[in-house]
Amino acid sequence: MHEMGLALEIIDIATASIPADLVGARVARVNLTVGKLSAVVPGSLRFCFQVASRETPLEGAELNIEEVPVVALCKECGHRWTIEEPVFRCPACDSPRIEVVSGRELDIRSIELEEKDGG
């Protein structure tokens, strides 16, 4: 399960991105984009994140995962489409010369900190 390694990396990156002047700050949410071809199981990643974030500034934080579909572009006719099945041929001209333009992403889009109480 490589999701535990990913969860640990996300925690390290998020912890390192907390500004030094915000001592004791806690992370409320980490927003990710995960491509369908990235071999990440969102439910497993959320579980690993929950376990691995204990006793860190991310404990209790939400891991928000936006799944990115597999989109291809035909190099022959320029047709662009979302791949729904494991058939990697252009549906417009049947060419196998395609380029996958999205679906491999694994990016931290943003890290949101908890707001401090004013009083």
Protein backbone atom coordinates (compact mmCIF):
# COMPACT_ATOMS: atom_id res chain seq x y z
CA MET A 1 0.00 0.00 0.00
CA HIS A 2 1.91 3.03 -1.23
CA GLU A 3 -0.80 5.32 0.13
CA MET A 4 0.93 5.36 3.55
CA GLY A 5 4.12 6.69 1.97
CA LEU A 6 2.11 9.32 0.13
CA ALA A 7 0.29 10.30 3.32
CA LEU A 8 3.61 10.73 5.14
CA GLU A 9 4.95 12.92 2.30
CA ILE A 10 1.80 15.06 2.33
CA ILE A 11 2.15 15.53 6.10
CA ASP A 12 5.84 16.48 5.76
CA ILE A 13 5.11 19.01 3.00
CA ALA A 14 2.14 20.53 4.82
CA THR A 15 4.03 20.76 8.12
CA ALA A 16 7.01 22.41 6.43
CA SER A 17 4.73 24.96 4.76
CA ILE A 18 3.33 26.34 8.04
CA PRO A 19 4.89 29.80 8.46
CA ALA A 20 7.46 29.93 11.27
CA ASP A 21 5.72 32.91 12.87
CA LEU A 22 2.53 30.86 13.37
CA VAL A 23 3.74 28.79 16.31
CA GLY A 24 1.19 26.14 17.21
CA ALA A 25 -0.82 26.57 14.01
CA ARG A 26 -2.86 23.59 12.92
CA VAL A 27 -3.85 22.52 9.44
CA ALA A 28 -7.61 22.35 8.80
CA ARG A 29 -7.60 20.96 5.26
CA VAL A 30 -5.24 19.74 2.57
CA ASN A 31 -6.62 19.92 -0.97
CA LEU A 32 -5.22 17.44 -3.49
CA THR A 33 -5.75 16.64 -7.14
CA VAL A 34 -5.30 12.96 -7.93
CA GLY A 35 -5.43 11.60 -11.46
CA LYS A 36 -7.26 8.37 -12.23
CA LEU A 37 -4.01 6.91 -13.64
CA SER A 38 -1.96 7.75 -10.53
CA ALA A 39 -2.77 4.37 -8.91
CA VAL A 40 -3.96 6.08 -5.73
CA VAL A 41 -7.03 4.74 -3.94
CA PRO A 42 -8.64 7.84 -2.38
CA GLY A 43 -10.27 5.95 0.50
CA SER A 44 -6.99 4.26 1.40
CA LEU A 45 -5.10 7.56 1.21
CA ARG A 46 -7.63 9.24 3.51
CA PHE A 47 -7.34 6.37 6.02
CA CYS A 48 -3.53 6.45 5.95
CA PHE A 49 -3.54 10.24 6.28
CA GLN A 50 -5.82 10.01 9.33
CA VAL A 51 -3.57 7.44 11.00
CA ALA A 52 -0.24 9.08 10.08
CA SER A 53 -1.32 12.60 11.07
CA ARG A 54 -1.88 11.73 14.73
CA GLU A 55 0.15 13.95 17.05
CA THR A 56 1.10 16.32 14.21
CA PRO A 57 -0.23 19.78 13.27
CA LEU A 58 -2.45 17.92 10.77
CA GLU A 59 -4.29 15.73 13.27
CA GLY A 60 -8.01 15.99 12.52
CA ALA A 61 -7.43 17.83 9.23
CA GLU A 62 -9.61 17.02 6.25
CA LEU A 63 -7.93 15.50 3.20
CA ASN A 64 -9.98 16.80 0.28
CA ILE A 65 -9.29 14.81 -2.90
CA GLU A 66 -10.40 15.99 -6.32
CA GLU A 67 -10.14 13.14 -8.80
CA VAL A 68 -8.97 14.13 -12.27
CA PRO A 69 -10.28 12.10 -15.23
CA VAL A 70 -8.06 10.63 -17.92
CA VAL A 71 -8.18 12.98 -20.90
CA ALA A 72 -6.48 12.17 -24.20
CA LEU A 73 -5.63 14.09 -27.33
CA CYS A 74 -5.33 12.44 -30.74
CA LYS A 75 -2.08 13.36 -32.49
CA GLU A 76 -3.65 12.56 -35.87
CA CYS A 77 -6.93 14.50 -35.90
CA GLY A 78 -6.73 16.69 -32.76
CA HIS A 79 -9.81 15.15 -31.13
CA ARG A 80 -9.83 15.50 -27.31
CA TRP A 81 -11.90 13.23 -25.06
CA THR A 82 -12.23 11.69 -21.62
CA ILE A 83 -11.21 8.04 -21.55
CA GLU A 84 -13.82 5.98 -19.72
CA GLU A 85 -12.63 2.48 -20.73
CA PRO A 86 -9.16 0.95 -21.14
CA VAL A 87 -9.23 1.56 -24.91
CA PHE A 88 -6.52 3.95 -25.96
CA ARG A 89 -7.52 4.70 -29.55
CA CYS A 90 -9.10 7.86 -30.88
CA PRO A 91 -12.89 7.45 -31.05
CA ALA A 92 -13.03 9.92 -33.96
CA CYS A 93 -10.40 8.46 -36.34
CA ASP A 94 -9.35 5.18 -34.65
CA SER A 95 -5.70 6.25 -34.48
CA PRO A 96 -3.54 4.77 -31.71
CA ARG A 97 -1.36 7.92 -31.74
CA ILE A 98 -2.75 9.61 -28.67
CA GLU A 99 -1.31 11.67 -25.87
CA VAL A 100 -2.66 11.46 -22.32
CA VAL A 101 -3.02 15.10 -21.24
CA SER A 102 -4.45 14.55 -17.77
CA GLY A 103 -5.03 11.75 -15.33
CA ARG A 104 -1.55 11.27 -13.87
CA GLU A 105 -1.68 14.19 -11.42
CA LEU A 106 -0.81 13.92 -7.76
CA ASP A 107 -0.58 17.50 -6.53
CA ILE A 108 -1.14 19.40 -3.32
CA ARG A 109 -3.30 22.30 -4.51
CA SER A 110 -3.57 24.15 -1.22
CA ILE A 111 -3.16 23.86 2.53
CA GLU A 112 -5.65 25.63 4.77
CA LEU A 113 -4.82 26.54 8.36
CA GLU A 114 -7.33 26.67 11.21
CA GLU A 115 -8.43 30.14 12.17
CA LYS A 116 -7.42 31.29 15.65
CA ASP A 117 -10.16 32.51 17.97
CA GLY A 118 -10.08 36.27 18.32
CA GLY A 119 -10.93 36.32 22.00
